[in-house]
Amino acid sequence: MAMFDGCEGNAKTWVLEEMDCPQCGKVLEYYTSRGRIVEEVTCDCGYVLKAQEPVPMPVKKEG
């Protein structure tokens, strides 16, 4: 079943994503897998992205 390795393997791969912290605006980097955050990330201001939370929706910047 080697022909299916690529399809299933992609779902297990972590993806590096970025978002602006909703409290201070600093860029946060986090890994996701299957639409969930893999590891907890804490911003310097104290905002926390918890592990296993769904991926946050991007916030549109006004300007």
Protein backbone atom coordinates (compact mmCIF):
# COMPACT_ATOMS: atom_id res chain seq x y z
CA MET A 1 0.00 0.00 0.00
CA ALA A 2 2.93 2.33 -0.61
CA MET A 3 0.92 4.43 -3.03
CA PHE A 4 -1.17 5.82 -0.12
CA ASP A 5 1.78 6.76 2.12
CA GLY A 6 1.89 10.34 0.84
CA CYS A 7 -1.79 11.05 1.51
CA GLU A 8 -1.82 9.83 5.10
CA GLY A 9 1.67 11.14 5.82
CA ASN A 10 0.63 14.72 5.00
CA ALA A 11 -2.02 14.69 7.73
CA LYS A 12 0.62 13.79 10.33
CA THR A 13 3.05 16.55 9.32
CA TRP A 14 3.22 19.62 11.56
CA VAL A 15 2.73 22.96 9.83
CA LEU A 16 4.39 26.16 11.11
CA GLU A 17 1.91 29.04 11.21
CA GLU A 18 1.99 32.63 12.43
CA MET A 19 -0.54 35.03 13.89
CA ASP A 20 -0.46 38.42 15.57
CA CYS A 21 -1.09 38.28 19.30
CA PRO A 22 -4.56 39.71 19.92
CA GLN A 23 -3.32 41.49 23.06
CA CYS A 24 0.00 43.08 22.05
CA GLY A 25 0.35 42.51 18.29
CA LYS A 26 3.62 40.54 18.48
CA VAL A 27 3.96 37.73 15.92
CA LEU A 28 3.41 34.29 17.46
CA GLU A 29 4.67 31.14 15.72
CA TYR A 30 2.98 27.81 16.42
CA TYR A 31 2.74 24.34 14.91
CA THR A 32 -0.54 22.77 13.83
CA SER A 33 -1.58 19.27 12.89
CA ARG A 34 -5.03 18.35 11.64
CA GLY A 35 -6.40 21.80 12.46
CA ARG A 36 -5.20 21.83 16.08
CA ILE A 37 -2.31 23.52 17.87
CA VAL A 38 0.42 20.97 18.69
CA GLU A 39 2.26 22.68 21.60
CA GLU A 40 1.31 25.46 23.99
CA VAL A 41 2.69 28.90 23.03
CA THR A 42 2.93 31.81 25.47
CA CYS A 43 3.45 35.39 24.30
CA ASP A 44 5.65 37.77 26.31
CA CYS A 45 2.49 39.69 27.32
CA GLY A 46 0.97 36.53 28.85
CA TYR A 47 -1.49 35.53 26.09
CA VAL A 48 -1.55 31.72 25.70
CA LEU A 49 -2.39 29.48 22.75
CA LYS A 50 -3.16 26.16 24.40
CA ALA A 51 -2.26 22.78 22.95
CA GLN A 52 -5.11 20.93 21.23
CA GLU A 53 -7.14 24.13 20.69
CA PRO A 54 -8.54 24.59 17.19
CA VAL A 55 -6.44 26.84 14.98
CA PRO A 56 -7.47 30.46 15.60
CA MET A 57 -9.10 32.39 12.78
CA PRO A 58 -6.88 35.14 11.35
CA VAL A 59 -7.62 38.63 12.60
CA LYS A 60 -7.93 41.27 9.87
CA LYS A 61 -5.88 44.38 10.46
CA GLU A 62 -7.74 47.64 9.98
CA GLY A 63 -5.91 50.41 8.29
